[in-house]
């Protein structure tokens, strides 16, 4: 059976979705890896989404299936993507993961590979705290946390304003949350993360 990698994300204006797509592309370069892209359920009303301009933006990834909590169980690796909310994961992602109590009680996620990527509005808007605080949830669930090593050269790119951390890929969306596009350097880091996580998950699966 192929190694099963699932990328589960929440995106409001499309930045996290762009990263998720790149993470998926990277994971697909590893032979015998099956990649699934899923988005967590929305909890904001259509009316509010329309008022903040997110409803139209979300149409670009409306084709991505919505994740159920049991989708976590059959994955060898789970890569989560979230925008930051005050230095933490967004409420939609928190709501989704808070439903994993039954899986936690049954040790269903123990020894799965877990990884995180994110988006913030500004350079210092909480990229690292968003990812590292997310890691606490993964560790409570018994997962093996994987980041992005400095062998990925984009992490030391000082020629431009860019996201990218050793904890996971990231992007800057602009102070308004939407105006800056995801850069090629950020996409390259995301692709690397997907490949790196898939490679580790495959090795662990083969060794078990």
C-alpha atoms as a PDB file:
ATOM      1  CA  UNK A   1       0.000   0.000   0.000  1.00  0.00           C
ATOM      2  CA  UNK A   2       1.207   3.545  -0.698  1.00  0.00           C
ATOM      3  CA  UNK A   3       2.140   5.930   2.076  1.00  0.00           C
ATOM      4  CA  UNK A   4      -0.877   8.142   2.800  1.00  0.00           C
ATOM      5  CA  UNK A   5      -0.195  11.868   3.213  1.00  0.00           C
ATOM      6  CA  UNK A   6      -3.059  14.253   3.943  1.00  0.00           C
ATOM      7  CA  UNK A   7      -2.821  18.032   3.791  1.00  0.00           C
ATOM      8  CA  UNK A   8      -5.590  19.610   5.866  1.00  0.00           C
ATOM      9  CA  UNK A   9      -5.946  23.377   5.750  1.00  0.00           C
ATOM     10  CA  UNK A  10      -8.096  26.409   6.341  1.00  0.00           C
ATOM     11  CA  UNK A  11      -7.810  29.373   4.012  1.00  0.00           C
ATOM     12  CA  UNK A  12      -9.812  32.583   3.919  1.00  0.00           C
ATOM     13  CA  UNK A  13      -8.396  34.520   0.965  1.00  0.00           C
ATOM     14  CA  UNK A  14      -6.385  31.761  -0.705  1.00  0.00           C
ATOM     15  CA  UNK A  15      -2.861  32.171   0.653  1.00  0.00           C
ATOM     16  CA  UNK A  16      -2.884  29.033   2.789  1.00  0.00           C
ATOM     17  CA  UNK A  17      -4.509  27.162  -0.090  1.00  0.00           C
ATOM     18  CA  UNK A  18      -1.635  28.180  -2.402  1.00  0.00           C
ATOM     19  CA  UNK A  19       0.841  26.849   0.138  1.00  0.00           C
ATOM     20  CA  UNK A  20      -1.228  23.672   0.610  1.00  0.00           C
ATOM     21  CA  UNK A  21      -1.184  23.051  -3.124  1.00  0.00           C
ATOM     22  CA  UNK A  22       2.592  23.466  -3.173  1.00  0.00           C
ATOM     23  CA  UNK A  23       3.004  21.145  -0.175  1.00  0.00           C
ATOM     24  CA  UNK A  24       0.912  18.572  -2.037  1.00  0.00           C
ATOM     25  CA  UNK A  25       3.047  18.974  -5.169  1.00  0.00           C
ATOM     26  CA  UNK A  26       6.176  18.324  -3.133  1.00  0.00           C
ATOM     27  CA  UNK A  27       4.727  15.245  -1.446  1.00  0.00           C
ATOM     28  CA  UNK A  28       3.690  13.821  -4.823  1.00  0.00           C
ATOM     29  CA  UNK A  29       7.304  13.751  -5.994  1.00  0.00           C
ATOM     30  CA  UNK A  30       8.006  10.903  -3.563  1.00  0.00           C
ATOM     31  CA  UNK A  31       7.299   7.510  -5.188  1.00  0.00           C
ATOM     32  CA  UNK A  32       4.482   5.375  -3.793  1.00  0.00           C
ATOM     33  CA  UNK A  33       2.915   8.255  -1.876  1.00  0.00           C
ATOM     34  CA  UNK A  34      -0.810   8.998  -2.062  1.00  0.00           C
ATOM     35  CA  UNK A  35      -1.662  12.653  -1.385  1.00  0.00           C
ATOM     36  CA  UNK A  36      -5.064  14.015  -0.369  1.00  0.00           C
ATOM     37  CA  UNK A  37      -5.958  17.697   0.011  1.00  0.00           C
ATOM     38  CA  UNK A  38      -8.775  18.565   2.438  1.00  0.00           C
ATOM     39  CA  UNK A  39     -10.115  21.757   4.021  1.00  0.00           C
ATOM     40  CA  UNK A  40     -11.639  22.049   7.480  1.00  0.00           C
ATOM     41  CA  UNK A  41     -15.266  23.156   7.807  1.00  0.00           C
ATOM     42  CA  UNK A  42     -16.079  26.854   7.780  1.00  0.00           C
ATOM     43  CA  UNK A  43     -17.722  28.234  10.910  1.00  0.00           C
ATOM     44  CA  UNK A  44     -18.331  31.792   9.703  1.00  0.00           C
ATOM     45  CA  UNK A  45     -21.677  32.551   8.049  1.00  0.00           C
ATOM     46  CA  UNK A  46     -21.910  33.265   4.327  1.00  0.00           C
ATOM     47  CA  UNK A  47     -23.201  36.717   5.189  1.00  0.00           C
ATOM     48  CA  UNK A  48     -20.091  37.631   7.147  1.00  0.00           C
ATOM     49  CA  UNK A  49     -17.788  36.031   4.578  1.00  0.00           C
ATOM     50  CA  UNK A  50     -19.436  38.171   1.934  1.00  0.00           C
ATOM     51  CA  UNK A  51     -19.023  41.342   3.973  1.00  0.00           C
ATOM     52  CA  UNK A  52     -15.276  40.794   4.379  1.00  0.00           C
ATOM     53  CA  UNK A  53     -14.709  39.780   0.757  1.00  0.00           C
ATOM     54  CA  UNK A  54     -13.801  36.195   1.573  1.00  0.00           C
ATOM     55  CA  UNK A  55     -16.744  34.406  -0.032  1.00  0.00           C
ATOM     56  CA  UNK A  56     -15.596  35.160  -3.574  1.00  0.00           C
ATOM     57  CA  UNK A  57     -11.966  34.380  -2.708  1.00  0.00           C
ATOM     58  CA  UNK A  58     -12.905  30.996  -1.252  1.00  0.00           C
ATOM     59  CA  UNK A  59     -14.532  29.993  -4.545  1.00  0.00           C
ATOM     60  CA  UNK A  60     -11.073  29.212  -5.948  1.00  0.00           C
ATOM     61  CA  UNK A  61     -10.750  26.174  -3.672  1.00  0.00           C
ATOM     62  CA  UNK A  62     -14.411  25.270  -3.264  1.00  0.00           C
ATOM     63  CA  UNK A  63     -13.666  22.004  -5.120  1.00  0.00           C
ATOM     64  CA  UNK A  64     -11.479  20.766  -2.241  1.00  0.00           C
ATOM     65  CA  UNK A  65     -13.422  18.265  -0.094  1.00  0.00           C
ATOM     66  CA  UNK A  66     -14.248  19.139   3.503  1.00  0.00           C
ATOM     67  CA  UNK A  67     -12.411  17.090   6.131  1.00  0.00           C
ATOM     68  CA  UNK A  68     -14.194  14.971   8.716  1.00  0.00           C
ATOM     69  CA  UNK A  69     -12.364  14.094  11.916  1.00  0.00           C
ATOM     70  CA  UNK A  70     -12.103  10.408  10.926  1.00  0.00           C
ATOM     71  CA  UNK A  71     -10.030  11.478   7.908  1.00  0.00           C
ATOM     72  CA  UNK A  72      -7.083  11.720  10.297  1.00  0.00           C
ATOM     73  CA  UNK A  73      -7.072   8.022  11.113  1.00  0.00           C
ATOM     74  CA  UNK A  74      -5.836   6.377   7.904  1.00  0.00           C
ATOM     75  CA  UNK A  75      -3.058   8.879   7.163  1.00  0.00           C
ATOM     76  CA  UNK A  76       0.622   8.118   7.715  1.00  0.00           C
ATOM     77  CA  UNK A  77       1.385  11.850   7.701  1.00  0.00           C
ATOM     78  CA  UNK A  78      -0.792  14.878   8.399  1.00  0.00           C
ATOM     79  CA  UNK A  79       0.315  18.328   7.264  1.00  0.00           C
ATOM     80  CA  UNK A  80      -1.819  21.167   8.584  1.00  0.00           C
ATOM     81  CA  UNK A  81      -2.096  24.677   7.160  1.00  0.00           C
ATOM     82  CA  UNK A  82      -3.638  27.641   8.969  1.00  0.00           C
ATOM     83  CA  UNK A  83      -3.693  31.425   8.915  1.00  0.00           C
ATOM     84  CA  UNK A  84      -2.631  32.991  12.187  1.00  0.00           C
ATOM     85  CA  UNK A  85      -5.079  34.482  14.639  1.00  0.00           C
ATOM     86  CA  UNK A  86      -3.220  36.469  17.310  1.00  0.00           C
ATOM     87  CA  UNK A  87      -0.209  34.149  17.106  1.00  0.00           C
ATOM     88  CA  UNK A  88      -2.236  30.924  17.153  1.00  0.00           C
ATOM     89  CA  UNK A  89      -4.090  28.682  14.724  1.00  0.00           C
ATOM     90  CA  UNK A  90      -7.399  30.014  13.411  1.00  0.00           C
ATOM     91  CA  UNK A  91     -10.698  29.143  15.081  1.00  0.00           C
ATOM     92  CA  UNK A  92     -11.806  26.911  12.211  1.00  0.00           C
ATOM     93  CA  UNK A  93      -8.763  24.687  12.652  1.00  0.00           C
ATOM     94  CA  UNK A  94      -9.120  24.723  16.442  1.00  0.00           C
ATOM     95  CA  UNK A  95     -12.774  23.685  16.128  1.00  0.00           C
ATOM     96  CA  UNK A  96     -11.791  20.815  13.842  1.00  0.00           C
ATOM     97  CA  UNK A  97      -9.000  19.489  16.049  1.00  0.00           C
ATOM     98  CA  UNK A  98     -11.076  19.831  19.201  1.00  0.00           C
ATOM     99  CA  UNK A  99     -13.222  17.021  17.800  1.00  0.00           C
ATOM    100  CA  UNK A 100     -10.266  14.606  17.973  1.00  0.00           C
ATOM    101  CA  UNK A 101     -10.765  13.740  21.654  1.00  0.00           C
ATOM    102  CA  UNK A 102     -12.111  10.302  20.846  1.00  0.00           C
ATOM    103  CA  UNK A 103      -9.154   9.573  18.586  1.00  0.00           C
ATOM    104  CA  UNK A 104      -6.794  10.773  21.315  1.00  0.00           C
ATOM    105  CA  UNK A 105      -8.452   8.470  23.853  1.00  0.00           C
ATOM    106  CA  UNK A 106      -7.968   5.511  21.521  1.00  0.00           C
ATOM    107  CA  UNK A 107      -4.357   6.434  20.590  1.00  0.00           C
ATOM    108  CA  UNK A 108      -5.407   6.520  16.944  1.00  0.00           C
ATOM    109  CA  UNK A 109      -2.921   9.238  15.953  1.00  0.00           C
ATOM    110  CA  UNK A 110       0.127   8.016  17.880  1.00  0.00           C
ATOM    111  CA  UNK A 111       3.314   7.796  15.768  1.00  0.00           C
ATOM    112  CA  UNK A 112       1.835   9.558  12.744  1.00  0.00           C
ATOM    113  CA  UNK A 113       4.029  12.256  11.240  1.00  0.00           C
ATOM    114  CA  UNK A 114       2.703  15.778  11.788  1.00  0.00           C
ATOM    115  CA  UNK A 115       3.774  19.080  10.266  1.00  0.00           C
ATOM    116  CA  UNK A 116       2.414  22.634  10.027  1.00  0.00           C
ATOM    117  CA  UNK A 117       2.561  25.635   7.680  1.00  0.00           C
ATOM    118  CA  UNK A 118       0.889  29.022   8.012  1.00  0.00           C
ATOM    119  CA  UNK A 119       0.142  32.512   6.746  1.00  0.00           C
ATOM    120  CA  UNK A 120       0.335  35.856   8.538  1.00  0.00           C
ATOM    121  CA  UNK A 121      -0.492  39.402   7.525  1.00  0.00           C
ATOM    122  CA  UNK A 122       2.903  40.888   8.367  1.00  0.00           C
ATOM    123  CA  UNK A 123       6.546  39.875   8.786  1.00  0.00           C
ATOM    124  CA  UNK A 124       6.296  39.672  12.557  1.00  0.00           C
ATOM    125  CA  UNK A 125       2.653  38.635  12.795  1.00  0.00           C
ATOM    126  CA  UNK A 126       3.210  35.358  14.631  1.00  0.00           C
ATOM    127  CA  UNK A 127       4.408  32.844  12.057  1.00  0.00           C
ATOM    128  CA  UNK A 128       6.655  30.980  14.454  1.00  0.00           C
ATOM    129  CA  UNK A 129       4.283  31.103  17.423  1.00  0.00           C
ATOM    130  CA  UNK A 130       1.409  29.917  15.247  1.00  0.00           C
ATOM    131  CA  UNK A 131       3.356  26.861  14.151  1.00  0.00           C
ATOM    132  CA  UNK A 132       5.040  26.023  17.454  1.00  0.00           C
ATOM    133  CA  UNK A 133       1.823  26.444  19.452  1.00  0.00           C
ATOM    134  CA  UNK A 134       0.125  24.151  16.912  1.00  0.00           C
ATOM    135  CA  UNK A 135       2.838  21.584  17.660  1.00  0.00           C
ATOM    136  CA  UNK A 136       1.520  21.281  21.223  1.00  0.00           C
ATOM    137  CA  UNK A 137      -1.701  19.780  19.892  1.00  0.00           C
ATOM    138  CA  UNK A 138       0.181  17.342  17.673  1.00  0.00           C
ATOM    139  CA  UNK A 139       2.381  16.247  20.574  1.00  0.00           C
ATOM    140  CA  UNK A 140      -0.654  15.680  22.799  1.00  0.00           C
ATOM    141  CA  UNK A 141      -2.046  13.441  20.060  1.00  0.00           C
ATOM    142  CA  UNK A 142       1.205  11.450  20.050  1.00  0.00           C
ATOM    143  CA  UNK A 143       2.445  12.567  16.660  1.00  0.00           C
ATOM    144  CA  UNK A 144       6.033  12.883  15.434  1.00  0.00           C
ATOM    145  CA  UNK A 145       6.608  16.552  14.587  1.00  0.00           C
ATOM    146  CA  UNK A 146       8.613  17.421  11.480  1.00  0.00           C
ATOM    147  CA  UNK A 147       9.684  20.888  10.332  1.00  0.00           C
ATOM    148  CA  UNK A 148      11.828  22.269   7.505  1.00  0.00           C
ATOM    149  CA  UNK A 149      15.616  21.826   7.854  1.00  0.00           C
ATOM    150  CA  UNK A 150      18.052  24.509   6.758  1.00  0.00           C
ATOM    151  CA  UNK A 151      19.116  22.320   3.857  1.00  0.00           C
ATOM    152  CA  UNK A 152      16.251  24.154   2.142  1.00  0.00           C
ATOM    153  CA  UNK A 153      18.105  27.267   0.906  1.00  0.00           C
ATOM    154  CA  UNK A 154      15.029  29.493   0.876  1.00  0.00           C
ATOM    155  CA  UNK A 155      15.134  29.717   4.664  1.00  0.00           C
ATOM    156  CA  UNK A 156      18.292  31.848   4.500  1.00  0.00           C
ATOM    157  CA  UNK A 157      17.116  34.055   1.620  1.00  0.00           C
ATOM    158  CA  UNK A 158      17.925  37.636   2.659  1.00  0.00           C
ATOM    159  CA  UNK A 159      17.318  39.188  -0.762  1.00  0.00           C
ATOM    160  CA  UNK A 160      13.601  39.711  -0.320  1.00  0.00           C
ATOM    161  CA  UNK A 161      10.837  39.899   2.245  1.00  0.00           C
ATOM    162  CA  UNK A 162       9.748  36.303   2.596  1.00  0.00           C
ATOM    163  CA  UNK A 163       8.123  33.781   4.857  1.00  0.00           C
ATOM    164  CA  UNK A 164       9.688  30.442   5.695  1.00  0.00           C
ATOM    165  CA  UNK A 165      10.783  29.054   9.063  1.00  0.00           C
ATOM    166  CA  UNK A 166      12.546  25.921  10.319  1.00  0.00           C
ATOM    167  CA  UNK A 167       9.233  25.023  11.934  1.00  0.00           C
ATOM    168  CA  UNK A 168       7.312  25.023   8.650  1.00  0.00           C
ATOM    169  CA  UNK A 169       6.592  26.939   5.468  1.00  0.00           C
ATOM    170  CA  UNK A 170       4.847  30.293   5.740  1.00  0.00           C
ATOM    171  CA  UNK A 171       3.744  33.283   3.703  1.00  0.00           C
ATOM    172  CA  UNK A 172       2.909  36.936   4.230  1.00  0.00           C
ATOM    173  CA  UNK A 173      -0.531  37.961   2.997  1.00  0.00           C
ATOM    174  CA  UNK A 174      -0.254  41.712   3.572  1.00  0.00           C
ATOM    175  CA  UNK A 175      -1.589  43.818   6.414  1.00  0.00           C
ATOM    176  CA  UNK A 176      -5.098  43.591   4.923  1.00  0.00           C
ATOM    177  CA  UNK A 177      -4.837  39.793   4.853  1.00  0.00           C
ATOM    178  CA  UNK A 178      -5.007  39.459   1.090  1.00  0.00           C
ATOM    179  CA  UNK A 179      -3.049  41.926  -1.058  1.00  0.00           C
ATOM    180  CA  UNK A 180       0.391  40.270  -1.187  1.00  0.00           C
ATOM    181  CA  UNK A 181       0.738  37.180  -3.365  1.00  0.00           C
ATOM    182  CA  UNK A 182       2.557  34.072  -2.206  1.00  0.00           C
ATOM    183  CA  UNK A 183       6.146  34.317  -3.478  1.00  0.00           C
ATOM    184  CA  UNK A 184       8.091  31.691  -5.395  1.00  0.00           C
ATOM    185  CA  UNK A 185      10.545  31.366  -2.514  1.00  0.00           C
ATOM    186  CA  UNK A 186       7.663  30.595  -0.147  1.00  0.00           C
ATOM    187  CA  UNK A 187       6.204  28.066  -2.578  1.00  0.00           C
ATOM    188  CA  UNK A 188       9.600  26.384  -2.928  1.00  0.00           C
ATOM    189  CA  UNK A 189       9.839  25.984   0.852  1.00  0.00           C
ATOM    190  CA  UNK A 190       6.304  24.545   0.922  1.00  0.00           C
ATOM    191  CA  UNK A 191       7.141  22.038  -1.817  1.00  0.00           C
ATOM    192  CA  UNK A 192      10.255  21.035   0.121  1.00  0.00           C
ATOM    193  CA  UNK A 193       8.200  20.555   3.278  1.00  0.00           C
ATOM    194  CA  UNK A 194       5.756  18.284   1.477  1.00  0.00           C
ATOM    195  CA  UNK A 195       8.558  16.164   0.032  1.00  0.00           C
ATOM    196  CA  UNK A 196      10.460  16.054   3.333  1.00  0.00           C
ATOM    197  CA  UNK A 197       7.427  14.965   5.363  1.00  0.00           C
ATOM    198  CA  UNK A 198       6.371  12.372   2.777  1.00  0.00           C
ATOM    199  CA  UNK A 199       9.883  10.923   2.662  1.00  0.00           C
ATOM    200  CA  UNK A 200      10.046  10.544   6.437  1.00  0.00           C
ATOM    201  CA  UNK A 201       6.544   9.056   6.604  1.00  0.00           C
ATOM    202  CA  UNK A 202       7.415   6.550   3.907  1.00  0.00           C
ATOM    203  CA  UNK A 203      10.578   5.472   5.725  1.00  0.00           C
ATOM    204  CA  UNK A 204       8.706   5.037   8.994  1.00  0.00           C
ATOM    205  CA  UNK A 205       5.977   3.031   7.283  1.00  0.00           C
ATOM    206  CA  UNK A 206       8.539   0.742   5.628  1.00  0.00           C
ATOM    207  CA  UNK A 207      10.362   0.241   8.935  1.00  0.00           C
ATOM    208  CA  UNK A 208       7.226  -0.704  10.865  1.00  0.00           C
END
